Amino acid sequence: MNLTISGHHLELTPAIRDYVQTKLERIRRHFDHVIDVAVILTVDKLPEKEKRQKAEINLRVRGKDLHVESIAHDLYAAIDGLIDKLDRQVIKYKTKIQDHQHEAIKHYAEPSAA
């Protein structure tokens, strides 16, 4: 799995980088066929003297790209919300894959009429 973490208007500290990596372990625990992960952390400076923290993630798996974003006043809260949303999407994708890999009805052996 390739992991890319970038920051816009934000200095990425080793603490933030480690926090994101430990949170992504939860995703790996549910689904380990992840190809690529791109995390973008942004600080939006609004005119009313508030700072809005935004975290985005693009997760690439075989056959699909998942995009999630979360906004909060605290960067760590934004990352937590992001991982929660991503976890739900990954579990949904995993169950969708598992449900559709059954053998087609036309390939089942027909019962012989007696």
PDB file of N, CA and C in Angstrom:
ATOM      1  N   MET A   1       0.840  -1.178   0.000  1.00  0.00           N
ATOM      2  CA  MET A   1       0.000   0.000   0.000  1.00  0.00           C
ATOM      3  C   MET A   1       0.883   1.238   0.000  1.00  0.00           C
ATOM      4  N   ASN A   2       0.641   2.105  -0.962  1.00  0.00           N
ATOM      5  CA  ASN A   2       1.366   3.367  -1.043  1.00  0.00           C
ATOM      6  C   ASN A   2       0.585   4.422  -0.272  1.00  0.00           C
ATOM      7  N   LEU A   3       1.259   5.116   0.628  1.00  0.00           N
ATOM      8  CA  LEU A   3       0.626   6.141   1.447  1.00  0.00           C
ATOM      9  C   LEU A   3       1.272   7.476   1.168  1.00  0.00           C
ATOM     10  N   THR A   4       0.443   8.470   0.810  1.00  0.00           N
ATOM     11  CA  THR A   4       0.914   9.824   0.571  1.00  0.00           C
ATOM     12  C   THR A   4       0.125  10.763   1.475  1.00  0.00           C
ATOM     13  N   ILE A   5       0.825  11.514   2.303  1.00  0.00           N
ATOM     14  CA  ILE A   5       0.182  12.481   3.185  1.00  0.00           C
ATOM     15  C   ILE A   5       0.715  13.861   2.823  1.00  0.00           C
ATOM     16  N   SER A   6      -0.196  14.780   2.512  1.00  0.00           N
ATOM     17  CA  SER A   6       0.236  16.132   2.165  1.00  0.00           C
ATOM     18  C   SER A   6      -0.593  17.133   2.949  1.00  0.00           C
ATOM     19  N   GLY A   7      -0.038  18.313   3.129  1.00  0.00           N
ATOM     20  CA  GLY A   7      -0.715  19.363   3.872  1.00  0.00           C
ATOM     21  C   GLY A   7      -0.757  20.651   3.063  1.00  0.00           C
ATOM     22  N   HIS A   8      -1.905  21.311   3.080  1.00  0.00           N
ATOM     23  CA  HIS A   8      -2.063  22.603   2.423  1.00  0.00           C
ATOM     24  C   HIS A   8      -2.273  23.651   3.506  1.00  0.00           C
ATOM     25  N   HIS A   9      -1.429  24.665   3.512  1.00  0.00           N
ATOM     26  CA  HIS A   9      -1.428  25.713   4.528  1.00  0.00           C
ATOM     27  C   HIS A   9      -1.214  25.112   5.920  1.00  0.00           C
ATOM     28  N   LEU A  10      -0.412  24.073   5.973  1.00  0.00           N
ATOM     29  CA  LEU A  10      -0.223  23.340   7.213  1.00  0.00           C
ATOM     30  C   LEU A  10       1.130  22.649   7.173  1.00  0.00           C
ATOM     31  N   GLU A  11       1.847  22.720   8.275  1.00  0.00           N
ATOM     32  CA  GLU A  11       3.108  21.996   8.373  1.00  0.00           C
ATOM     33  C   GLU A  11       2.825  20.604   8.939  1.00  0.00           C
ATOM     34  N   LEU A  12       3.231  19.584   8.202  1.00  0.00           N
ATOM     35  CA  LEU A  12       3.022  18.214   8.658  1.00  0.00           C
ATOM     36  C   LEU A  12       4.097  17.854   9.667  1.00  0.00           C
ATOM     37  N   THR A  13       3.674  17.630  10.885  1.00  0.00           N
ATOM     38  CA  THR A  13       4.601  17.222  11.924  1.00  0.00           C
ATOM     39  C   THR A  13       4.630  15.700  11.987  1.00  0.00           C
ATOM     40  N   PRO A  14       5.682  15.138  12.554  1.00  0.00           N
ATOM     41  CA  PRO A  14       5.720  13.675  12.713  1.00  0.00           C
ATOM     42  C   PRO A  14       4.568  13.143  13.560  1.00  0.00           C
ATOM     43  N   ALA A  15       4.075  13.944  14.504  1.00  0.00           N
ATOM     44  CA  ALA A  15       2.948  13.505  15.337  1.00  0.00           C
ATOM     45  C   ALA A  15       1.682  13.344  14.497  1.00  0.00           C
ATOM     46  N   ILE A  16       1.422  14.291  13.608  1.00  0.00           N
ATOM     47  CA  ILE A  16       0.241  14.196  12.736  1.00  0.00           C
ATOM     48  C   ILE A  16       0.386  13.017  11.791  1.00  0.00           C
ATOM     49  N   ARG A  17       1.576  12.851  11.237  1.00  0.00           N
ATOM     50  CA  ARG A  17       1.821  11.745  10.309  1.00  0.00           C
ATOM     51  C   ARG A  17       1.629  10.384  11.004  1.00  0.00           C
ATOM     52  N   ASP A  18       2.135  10.254  12.209  1.00  0.00           N
ATOM     53  CA  ASP A  18       1.962   9.010  12.969  1.00  0.00           C
ATOM     54  C   ASP A  18       0.497   8.772  13.327  1.00  0.00           C
ATOM     55  N   TYR A  19      -0.217   9.846  13.667  1.00  0.00           N
ATOM     56  CA  TYR A  19      -1.631   9.721  14.016  1.00  0.00           C
ATOM     57  C   TYR A  19      -2.439   9.197  12.830  1.00  0.00           C
ATOM     58  N   VAL A  20      -2.175   9.723  11.646  1.00  0.00           N
ATOM     59  CA  VAL A  20      -2.877   9.269  10.448  1.00  0.00           C
ATOM     60  C   VAL A  20      -2.538   7.806  10.154  1.00  0.00           C
ATOM     61  N   GLN A  21      -1.272   7.448  10.283  1.00  0.00           N
ATOM     62  CA  GLN A  21      -0.868   6.070  10.007  1.00  0.00           C
ATOM     63  C   GLN A  21      -1.492   5.085  10.983  1.00  0.00           C
ATOM     64  N   THR A  22      -1.573   5.437  12.258  1.00  0.00           N
ATOM     65  CA  THR A  22      -2.184   4.525  13.223  1.00  0.00           C
ATOM     66  C   THR A  22      -3.680   4.407  12.987  1.00  0.00           C
ATOM     67  N   LYS A  23      -4.329   5.474  12.559  1.00  0.00           N
ATOM     68  CA  LYS A  23      -5.757   5.415  12.265  1.00  0.00           C
ATOM     69  C   LYS A  23      -6.026   4.580  11.007  1.00  0.00           C
ATOM     70  N   LEU A  24      -5.111   4.615  10.045  1.00  0.00           N
ATOM     71  CA  LEU A  24      -5.298   3.829   8.823  1.00  0.00           C
ATOM     72  C   LEU A  24      -5.109   2.336   9.068  1.00  0.00           C
ATOM     73  N   GLU A  25      -4.509   1.971  10.183  1.00  0.00           N
ATOM     74  CA  GLU A  25      -4.400   0.548  10.527  1.00  0.00           C
ATOM     75  C   GLU A  25      -5.785  -0.080  10.687  1.00  0.00           C
ATOM     76  N   ARG A  26      -6.745   0.709  11.138  1.00  0.00           N
ATOM     77  CA  ARG A  26      -8.117   0.229  11.283  1.00  0.00           C
ATOM     78  C   ARG A  26      -8.702  -0.167   9.933  1.00  0.00           C
ATOM     79  N   ILE A  27      -8.384   0.589   8.903  1.00  0.00           N
ATOM     80  CA  ILE A  27      -8.869   0.273   7.556  1.00  0.00           C
ATOM     81  C   ILE A  27      -8.187  -0.991   7.057  1.00  0.00           C
ATOM     82  N   ARG A  28      -6.896  -1.103   7.293  1.00  0.00           N
ATOM     83  CA  ARG A  28      -6.157  -2.294   6.876  1.00  0.00           C
ATOM     84  C   ARG A  28      -6.642  -3.553   7.583  1.00  0.00           C
ATOM     85  N   ARG A  29      -7.130  -3.387   8.793  1.00  0.00           N
ATOM     86  CA  ARG A  29      -7.629  -4.529   9.541  1.00  0.00           C
ATOM     87  C   ARG A  29      -8.903  -5.084   8.898  1.00  0.00           C
ATOM     88  N   HIS A  30      -9.725  -4.193   8.340  1.00  0.00           N
ATOM     89  CA  HIS A  30     -10.961  -4.642   7.706  1.00  0.00           C
ATOM     90  C   HIS A  30     -10.750  -5.121   6.275  1.00  0.00           C
ATOM     91  N   PHE A  31      -9.871  -4.446   5.559  1.00  0.00           N
ATOM     92  CA  PHE A  31      -9.707  -4.738   4.133  1.00  0.00           C
ATOM     93  C   PHE A  31      -8.254  -4.499   3.773  1.00  0.00           C
ATOM     94  N   ASP A  32      -7.539  -5.565   3.399  1.00  0.00           N
ATOM     95  CA  ASP A  32      -6.102  -5.425   3.180  1.00  0.00           C
ATOM     96  C   ASP A  32      -5.702  -5.350   1.705  1.00  0.00           C
ATOM     97  N   HIS A  33      -6.666  -5.213   0.795  1.00  0.00           N
ATOM     98  CA  HIS A  33      -6.352  -5.134  -0.632  1.00  0.00           C
ATOM     99  C   HIS A  33      -6.353  -3.689  -1.128  1.00  0.00           C
ATOM    100  N   VAL A  34      -5.790  -2.791  -0.351  1.00  0.00           N
ATOM    101  CA  VAL A  34      -5.724  -1.378  -0.704  1.00  0.00           C
ATOM    102  C   VAL A  34      -4.483  -1.149  -1.553  1.00  0.00           C
ATOM    103  N   ILE A  35      -4.657  -0.470  -2.681  1.00  0.00           N
ATOM    104  CA  ILE A  35      -3.536  -0.208  -3.592  1.00  0.00           C
ATOM    105  C   ILE A  35      -2.820   1.087  -3.218  1.00  0.00           C
ATOM    106  N   ASP A  36      -3.583   2.160  -3.063  1.00  0.00           N
ATOM    107  CA  ASP A  36      -2.987   3.482  -2.894  1.00  0.00           C
ATOM    108  C   ASP A  36      -3.864   4.330  -1.971  1.00  0.00           C
ATOM    109  N   VAL A  37      -3.226   5.128  -1.128  1.00  0.00           N
ATOM    110  CA  VAL A  37      -3.936   6.036  -0.229  1.00  0.00           C
ATOM    111  C   VAL A  37      -3.292   7.413  -0.343  1.00  0.00           C
ATOM    112  N   ALA A  38      -4.126   8.425  -0.567  1.00  0.00           N
ATOM    113  CA  ALA A  38      -3.651   9.807  -0.607  1.00  0.00           C
ATOM    114  C   ALA A  38      -4.450  10.613   0.407  1.00  0.00           C
ATOM    115  N   VAL A  39      -3.774  11.168   1.409  1.00  0.00           N
ATOM    116  CA  VAL A  39      -4.414  11.948   2.459  1.00  0.00           C
ATOM    117  C   VAL A  39      -4.005  13.401   2.273  1.00  0.00           C
ATOM    118  N   ILE A  40      -5.002  14.299   2.283  1.00  0.00           N
ATOM    119  CA  ILE A  40      -4.746  15.730   2.152  1.00  0.00           C
ATOM    120  C   ILE A  40      -5.332  16.419   3.373  1.00  0.00           C
ATOM    121  N   LEU A  41      -4.488  17.109   4.118  1.00  0.00           N
ATOM    122  CA  LEU A  41      -4.915  17.843   5.307  1.00  0.00           C
ATOM    123  C   LEU A  41      -4.820  19.334   4.995  1.00  0.00           C
ATOM    124  N   THR A  42      -5.900  20.075   5.264  1.00  0.00           N
ATOM    125  CA  THR A  42      -5.979  21.474   4.868  1.00  0.00           C
ATOM    126  C   THR A  42      -6.468  22.324   6.035  1.00  0.00           C
ATOM    127  N   VAL A  43      -5.923  23.523   6.139  1.00  0.00           N
ATOM    128  CA  VAL A  43      -6.427  24.518   7.076  1.00  0.00           C
ATOM    129  C   VAL A  43      -6.984  25.662   6.246  1.00  0.00           C
ATOM    130  N   ASP A  44      -8.304  25.900   6.367  1.00  0.00           N
ATOM    131  CA  ASP A  44      -8.950  27.015   5.680  1.00  0.00           C
ATOM    132  C   ASP A  44      -9.044  28.182   6.645  1.00  0.00           C
ATOM    133  N   LYS A  45      -8.477  29.292   6.267  1.00  0.00           N
ATOM    134  CA  LYS A  45      -8.546  30.483   7.107  1.00  0.00           C
ATOM    135  C   LYS A  45      -9.721  31.325   6.624  1.00  0.00           C
ATOM    136  N   LEU A  46     -10.752  31.350   7.425  1.00  0.00           N
ATOM    137  CA  LEU A  46     -11.955  32.077   7.061  1.00  0.00           C
ATOM    138  C   LEU A  46     -11.871  33.516   7.553  1.00  0.00           C
ATOM    139  N   PRO A  47     -12.611  34.414   6.935  1.00  0.00           N
ATOM    140  CA  PRO A  47     -12.508  35.823   7.327  1.00  0.00           C
ATOM    141  C   PRO A  47     -13.025  36.128   8.732  1.00  0.00           C
ATOM    142  N   GLU A  48     -13.888  35.304   9.299  1.00  0.00           N
ATOM    143  CA  GLU A  48     -14.415  35.582  10.636  1.00  0.00           C
ATOM    144  C   GLU A  48     -13.502  35.056  11.736  1.00  0.00           C
ATOM    145  N   LYS A  49     -12.210  34.979  11.465  1.00  0.00           N
ATOM    146  CA  LYS A  49     -11.172  34.590  12.416  1.00  0.00           C
ATOM    147  C   LYS A  49     -11.334  33.166  12.938  1.00  0.00           C
ATOM    148  N   GLU A  50     -11.973  32.333  12.174  1.00  0.00           N
ATOM    149  CA  GLU A  50     -12.058  30.920  12.525  1.00  0.00           C
ATOM    150  C   GLU A  50     -11.147  30.153  11.588  1.00  0.00           C
ATOM    151  N   LYS A  51     -10.627  29.100  12.105  1.00  0.00           N
ATOM    152  CA  LYS A  51      -9.862  28.194  11.265  1.00  0.00           C
ATOM    153  C   LYS A  51     -10.667  26.914  11.144  1.00  0.00           C
ATOM    154  N   ARG A  52     -10.856  26.487   9.925  1.00  0.00           N
ATOM    155  CA  ARG A  52     -11.589  25.252   9.685  1.00  0.00           C
ATOM    156  C   ARG A  52     -10.599  24.215   9.171  1.00  0.00           C
ATOM    157  N   GLN A  53     -10.548  23.088   9.854  1.00  0.00           N
ATOM    158  CA  GLN A  53      -9.622  22.010   9.504  1.00  0.00           C
ATOM    159  C   GLN A  53     -10.358  21.018   8.616  1.00  0.00           C
ATOM    160  N   LYS A  54      -9.748  20.648   7.530  1.00  0.00           N
ATOM    161  CA  LYS A  54     -10.383  19.731   6.594  1.00  0.00           C
ATOM    162  C   LYS A  54      -9.414  18.597   6.283  1.00  0.00           C
ATOM    163  N   ALA A  55      -9.947  17.379   6.306  1.00  0.00           N
ATOM    164  CA  ALA A  55      -9.151  16.203   5.983  1.00  0.00           C
ATOM    165  C   ALA A  55      -9.849  15.459   4.852  1.00  0.00           C
ATOM    166  N   GLU A  56      -9.095  15.108   3.829  1.00  0.00           N
ATOM    167  CA  GLU A  56      -9.621  14.362   2.689  1.00  0.00           C
ATOM    168  C   GLU A  56      -8.781  13.119   2.488  1.00  0.00           C
ATOM    169  N   ILE A  57      -9.415  12.088   1.927  1.00  0.00           N
ATOM    170  CA  ILE A  57      -8.659  10.880   1.616  1.00  0.00           C
ATOM    171  C   ILE A  57      -9.200  10.297   0.319  1.00  0.00           C
ATOM    172  N   ASN A  58      -8.285   9.857  -0.516  1.00  0.00           N
ATOM    173  CA  ASN A  58      -8.608   9.106  -1.728  1.00  0.00           C
ATOM    174  C   ASN A  58      -7.999   7.728  -1.559  1.00  0.00           C
ATOM    175  N   LEU A  59      -8.857   6.728  -1.483  1.00  0.00           N
ATOM    176  CA  LEU A  59      -8.410   5.364  -1.270  1.00  0.00           C
ATOM    177  C   LEU A  59      -8.693   4.587  -2.545  1.00  0.00           C
ATOM    178  N   ARG A  60      -7.670   3.952  -3.057  1.00  0.00           N
ATOM    179  CA  ARG A  60      -7.804   3.221  -4.314  1.00  0.00           C
ATOM    180  C   ARG A  60      -7.738   1.727  -4.036  1.00  0.00           C
ATOM    181  N   VAL A  61      -8.793   1.032  -4.422  1.00  0.00           N
ATOM    182  CA  VAL A  61      -8.846  -0.419  -4.336  1.00  0.00           C
ATOM    183  C   VAL A  61      -9.117  -0.938  -5.735  1.00  0.00           C
ATOM    184  N   ARG A  62      -9.021  -2.239  -5.897  1.00  0.00           N
ATOM    185  CA  ARG A  62      -9.190  -2.809  -7.220  1.00  0.00           C
ATOM    186  C   ARG A  62     -10.624  -2.575  -7.707  1.00  0.00           C
ATOM    187  N   GLY A  63     -10.738  -1.835  -8.802  1.00  0.00           N
ATOM    188  CA  GLY A  63     -12.033  -1.600  -9.401  1.00  0.00           C
ATOM    189  C   GLY A  63     -12.779  -0.391  -8.889  1.00  0.00           C
ATOM    190  N   LYS A  64     -12.260   0.334  -7.908  1.00  0.00           N
ATOM    191  CA  LYS A  64     -13.014   1.453  -7.356  1.00  0.00           C
ATOM    192  C   LYS A  64     -12.086   2.425  -6.646  1.00  0.00           C
ATOM    193  N   ASP A  65     -12.462   3.694  -6.693  1.00  0.00           N
ATOM    194  CA  ASP A  65     -11.785   4.733  -5.925  1.00  0.00           C
ATOM    195  C   ASP A  65     -12.780   5.283  -4.908  1.00  0.00           C
ATOM    196  N   LEU A  66     -12.376   5.346  -3.657  1.00  0.00           N
ATOM    197  CA  LEU A  66     -13.226   5.866  -2.596  1.00  0.00           C
ATOM    198  C   LEU A  66     -12.700   7.231  -2.184  1.00  0.00           C
ATOM    199  N   HIS A  67     -13.610   8.211  -2.091  1.00  0.00           N
ATOM    200  CA  HIS A  67     -13.220   9.563  -1.682  1.00  0.00           C
ATOM    201  C   HIS A  67     -14.062   9.956  -0.478  1.00  0.00           C
ATOM    202  N   VAL A  68     -13.392  10.444   0.568  1.00  0.00           N
ATOM    203  CA  VAL A  68     -14.068  10.865   1.788  1.00  0.00           C
ATOM    204  C   VAL A  68     -13.439  12.175   2.240  1.00  0.00           C
ATOM    205  N   GLU A  69     -14.275  13.070   2.782  1.00  0.00           N
ATOM    206  CA  GLU A  69     -13.732  14.282   3.396  1.00  0.00           C
ATOM    207  C   GLU A  69     -14.495  14.600   4.667  1.00  0.00           C
ATOM    208  N   SER A  70     -13.804  15.247   5.582  1.00  0.00           N
ATOM    209  CA  SER A  70     -14.381  15.591   6.870  1.00  0.00           C
ATOM    210  C   SER A  70     -13.875  16.971   7.277  1.00  0.00           C
ATOM    211  N   ILE A  71     -14.767  17.756   7.883  1.00  0.00           N
ATOM    212  CA  ILE A  71     -14.430  19.113   8.299  1.00  0.00           C
ATOM    213  C   ILE A  71     -14.742  19.258   9.787  1.00  0.00           C
ATOM    214  N   ALA A  72     -13.813  19.843  10.532  1.00  0.00           N
ATOM    215  CA  ALA A  72     -14.012  20.092  11.957  1.00  0.00           C
ATOM    216  C   ALA A  72     -13.160  21.292  12.367  1.00  0.00           C
ATOM    217  N   HIS A  73     -13.315  21.732  13.612  1.00  0.00           N
ATOM    218  CA  HIS A  73     -12.500  22.840  14.113  1.00  0.00           C
ATOM    219  C   HIS A  73     -11.142  22.366  14.598  1.00  0.00           C
ATOM    220  N   ASP A  74     -11.018  21.078  14.880  1.00  0.00           N
ATOM    221  CA  ASP A  74      -9.767  20.482  15.328  1.00  0.00           C
ATOM    222  C   ASP A  74      -9.308  19.488  14.271  1.00  0.00           C
ATOM    223  N   LEU A  75      -8.029  19.494  13.950  1.00  0.00           N
ATOM    224  CA  LEU A  75      -7.513  18.604  12.904  1.00  0.00           C
ATOM    225  C   LEU A  75      -7.650  17.137  13.302  1.00  0.00           C
ATOM    226  N   TYR A  76      -7.394  16.825  14.555  1.00  0.00           N
ATOM    227  CA  TYR A  76      -7.499  15.434  15.008  1.00  0.00           C
ATOM    228  C   TYR A  76      -8.949  14.952  14.967  1.00  0.00           C
ATOM    229  N   ALA A  77      -9.893  15.826  15.272  1.00  0.00           N
ATOM    230  CA  ALA A  77     -11.311  15.466  15.170  1.00  0.00           C
ATOM    231  C   ALA A  77     -11.703  15.249  13.712  1.00  0.00           C
ATOM    232  N   ALA A  78     -11.152  16.044  12.806  1.00  0.00           N
ATOM    233  CA  ALA A  78     -11.423  15.869  11.382  1.00  0.00           C
ATOM    234  C   ALA A  78     -10.875  14.535  10.889  1.00  0.00           C
ATOM    235  N   ILE A  79      -9.698  14.157  11.363  1.00  0.00           N
ATOM    236  CA  ILE A  79      -9.102  12.876  10.974  1.00  0.00           C
ATOM    237  C   ILE A  79      -9.935  11.717  11.530  1.00  0.00           C
ATOM    238  N   ASP A  80     -10.407  11.851  12.774  1.00  0.00           N
ATOM    239  CA  ASP A  80     -11.249  10.803  13.358  1.00  0.00           C
ATOM    240  C   ASP A  80     -12.545  10.629  12.574  1.00  0.00           C
ATOM    241  N   GLY A  81     -13.193  11.728  12.229  1.00  0.00           N
ATOM    242  CA  GLY A  81     -14.418  11.655  11.433  1.00  0.00           C
ATOM    243  C   GLY A  81     -14.166  11.073  10.060  1.00  0.00           C
ATOM    244  N   LEU A  82     -13.027  11.422   9.492  1.00  0.00           N
ATOM    245  CA  LEU A  82     -12.642  10.904   8.181  1.00  0.00           C
ATOM    246  C   LEU A  82     -12.478   9.391   8.216  1.00  0.00           C
ATOM    247  N   ILE A  83     -11.802   8.888   9.215  1.00  0.00           N
ATOM    248  CA  ILE A  83     -11.568   7.448   9.318  1.00  0.00           C
ATOM    249  C   ILE A  83     -12.875   6.703   9.575  1.00  0.00           C
ATOM    250  N   ASP A  84     -13.777   7.295  10.369  1.00  0.00           N
ATOM    251  CA  ASP A  84     -15.080   6.662  10.599  1.00  0.00           C
ATOM    252  C   ASP A  84     -15.870   6.522   9.303  1.00  0.00           C
ATOM    253  N   LYS A  85     -15.902   7.589   8.517  1.00  0.00           N
ATOM    254  CA  LYS A  85     -16.627   7.550   7.239  1.00  0.00           C
ATOM    255  C   LYS A  85     -15.983   6.554   6.283  1.00  0.00           C
ATOM    256  N   LEU A  86     -14.660   6.583   6.218  1.00  0.00           N
ATOM    257  CA  LEU A  86     -13.949   5.681   5.315  1.00  0.00           C
ATOM    258  C   LEU A  86     -14.141   4.232   5.726  1.00  0.00           C
ATOM    259  N   ASP A  87     -14.158   3.969   7.007  1.00  0.00           N
ATOM    260  CA  ASP A  87     -14.355   2.609   7.501  1.00  0.00           C
ATOM    261  C   ASP A  87     -15.718   2.074   7.067  1.00  0.00           C
ATOM    262  N   ARG A  88     -16.748   2.900   7.159  1.00  0.00           N
ATOM    263  CA  ARG A  88     -18.074   2.472   6.713  1.00  0.00           C
ATOM    264  C   ARG A  88     -18.096   2.186   5.217  1.00  0.00           C
ATOM    265  N   GLN A  89     -17.424   3.033   4.422  1.00  0.00           N
ATOM    266  CA  GLN A  89     -17.398   2.813   2.975  1.00  0.00           C
ATOM    267  C   GLN A  89     -16.627   1.551   2.617  1.00  0.00           C
ATOM    268  N   VAL A  90     -15.526   1.292   3.298  1.00  0.00           N
ATOM    269  CA  VAL A  90     -14.714   0.105   3.006  1.00  0.00           C
ATOM    270  C   VAL A  90     -15.481  -1.165   3.366  1.00  0.00           C
ATOM    271  N   ILE A  91     -16.176  -1.154   4.501  1.00  0.00           N
ATOM    272  CA  ILE A  91     -16.955  -2.327   4.890  1.00  0.00           C
ATOM    273  C   ILE A  91     -18.085  -2.564   3.889  1.00  0.00           C
ATOM    274  N   LYS A  92     -18.721  -1.498   3.430  1.00  0.00           N
ATOM    275  CA  LYS A  92     -19.786  -1.618   2.434  1.00  0.00           C
ATOM    276  C   LYS A  92     -19.241  -2.184   1.125  1.00  0.00           C
ATOM    277  N   TYR A  93     -18.077  -1.703   0.705  1.00  0.00           N
ATOM    278  CA  TYR A  93     -17.457  -2.191  -0.524  1.00  0.00           C
ATOM    279  C   TYR A  93     -17.069  -3.664  -0.382  1.00  0.00           C
ATOM    280  N   LYS A  94     -16.542  -4.028   0.774  1.00  0.00           N
ATOM    281  CA  LYS A  94     -16.112  -5.404   1.002  1.00  0.00           C
ATOM    282  C   LYS A  94     -17.302  -6.363   0.965  1.00  0.00           C
ATOM    283  N   THR A  95     -18.407  -5.999   1.602  1.00  0.00           N
ATOM    284  CA  THR A  95     -19.583  -6.870   1.573  1.00  0.00           C
ATOM    285  C   THR A  95     -20.183  -6.944   0.173  1.00  0.00           C
ATOM    286  N   LYS A  96     -20.097  -5.867  -0.570  1.00  0.00           N
ATOM    287  CA  LYS A  96     -20.603  -5.865  -1.942  1.00  0.00           C
ATOM    288  C   LYS A  96     -19.796  -6.830  -2.808  1.00  0.00           C
ATOM    289  N   ILE A  97     -18.495  -6.839  -2.632  1.00  0.00           N
ATOM    290  CA  ILE A  97     -17.634  -7.755  -3.388  1.00  0.00           C
ATOM    291  C   ILE A  97     -17.924  -9.202  -2.996  1.00  0.00           C
ATOM    292  N   GLN A  98     -18.042  -9.454  -1.720  1.00  0.00           N
ATOM    293  CA  GLN A  98     -18.267 -10.821  -1.253  1.00  0.00           C
ATOM    294  C   GLN A  98     -19.632 -11.340  -1.685  1.00  0.00           C
ATOM    295  N   ASP A  99     -20.636 -10.490  -1.753  1.00  0.00           N
ATOM    296  CA  ASP A  99     -21.969 -10.930  -2.146  1.00  0.00           C
ATOM    297  C   ASP A  99     -22.064 -11.256  -3.624  1.00  0.00           C
ATOM    298  N   HIS A 100     -21.253 -10.657  -4.459  1.00  0.00           N
ATOM    299  CA  HIS A 100     -21.360 -10.836  -5.905  1.00  0.00           C
ATOM    300  C   HIS A 100     -20.408 -11.882  -6.468  1.00  0.00           C
ATOM    301  N   GLN A 101     -19.712 -12.594  -5.647  1.00  0.00           N
ATOM    302  CA  GLN A 101     -18.792 -13.586  -6.166  1.00  0.00           C
ATOM    303  C   GLN A 101     -19.349 -14.998  -6.060  1.00  0.00           C
ATOM    304  N   HIS A 102     -20.663 -15.111  -6.059  1.00  0.00           N
ATOM    305  CA  HIS A 102     -21.281 -16.426  -6.047  1.00  0.00           C
ATOM    306  C   HIS A 102     -21.361 -16.947  -7.472  1.00  0.00           C
ATOM    307  N   GLU A 103     -21.489 -18.230  -7.589  1.00  0.00           N
ATOM    308  CA  GLU A 103     -21.584 -18.836  -8.910  1.00  0.00           C
ATOM    309  C   GLU A 103     -22.944 -18.527  -9.508  1.00  0.00           C
ATOM    310  N   ALA A 104     -22.983 -18.318 -10.808  1.00  0.00           N
ATOM    311  CA  ALA A 104     -24.221 -17.980 -11.486  1.00  0.00           C
ATOM    312  C   ALA A 104     -25.198 -19.155 -11.452  1.00  0.00           C
ATOM    313  N   ILE A 105     -26.465 -18.843 -11.517  1.00  0.00           N
ATOM    314  CA  ILE A 105     -27.502 -19.876 -11.436  1.00  0.00           C
ATOM    315  C   ILE A 105     -27.406 -20.838 -12.615  1.00  0.00           C
ATOM    316  N   LYS A 106     -27.043 -20.348 -13.792  1.00  0.00           N
ATOM    317  CA  LYS A 106     -27.001 -21.214 -14.968  1.00  0.00           C
ATOM    318  C   LYS A 106     -25.904 -22.279 -14.875  1.00  0.00           C
ATOM    319  N   HIS A 107     -24.947 -22.097 -13.950  1.00  0.00           N
ATOM    320  CA  HIS A 107     -23.873 -23.076 -13.813  1.00  0.00           C
ATOM    321  C   HIS A 107     -24.173 -24.154 -12.765  1.00  0.00           C
ATOM    322  N   TYR A 108     -25.271 -24.009 -12.055  1.00  0.00           N
ATOM    323  CA  TYR A 108     -25.639 -25.035 -11.088  1.00  0.00           C
ATOM    324  C   TYR A 108     -26.151 -26.274 -11.816  1.00  0.00           C
ATOM    325  N   ALA A 109     -25.904 -27.435 -11.251  1.00  0.00           N
ATOM    326  CA  ALA A 109     -26.378 -28.673 -11.856  1.00  0.00           C
ATOM    327  C   ALA A 109     -27.910 -28.757 -11.654  1.00  0.00           C
ATOM    328  N   GLU A 110     -28.578 -29.104 -12.728  1.00  0.00           N
ATOM    329  CA  GLU A 110     -30.041 -29.209 -12.649  1.00  0.00           C
ATOM    330  C   GLU A 110     -30.420 -30.510 -11.964  1.00  0.00           C
ATOM    331  N   PRO A 111     -31.409 -30.481 -11.102  1.00  0.00           N
ATOM    332  CA  PRO A 111     -31.851 -31.726 -10.473  1.00  0.00           C
ATOM    333  C   PRO A 111     -32.546 -32.610 -11.494  1.00  0.00           C
ATOM    334  N   SER A 112     -32.254 -33.882 -11.429  1.00  0.00           N
ATOM    335  CA  SER A 112     -32.861 -34.801 -12.398  1.00  0.00           C
ATOM    336  C   SER A 112     -34.306 -35.092 -12.000  1.00  0.00           C
ATOM    337  N   ALA A 113     -35.168 -35.043 -12.994  1.00  0.00           N
ATOM    338  CA  ALA A 113     -36.594 -35.308 -12.753  1.00  0.00           C
ATOM    339  C   ALA A 113     -36.813 -36.805 -12.734  1.00  0.00           C
ATOM    340  N   ALA A 114     -37.412 -37.300 -11.684  1.00  0.00           N
ATOM    341  CA  ALA A 114     -37.615 -38.752 -11.581  1.00  0.00           C
ATOM    342  C   ALA A 114     -39.053 -39.138 -11.784  1.00  0.00           C
TER     343      ALA A 114
END
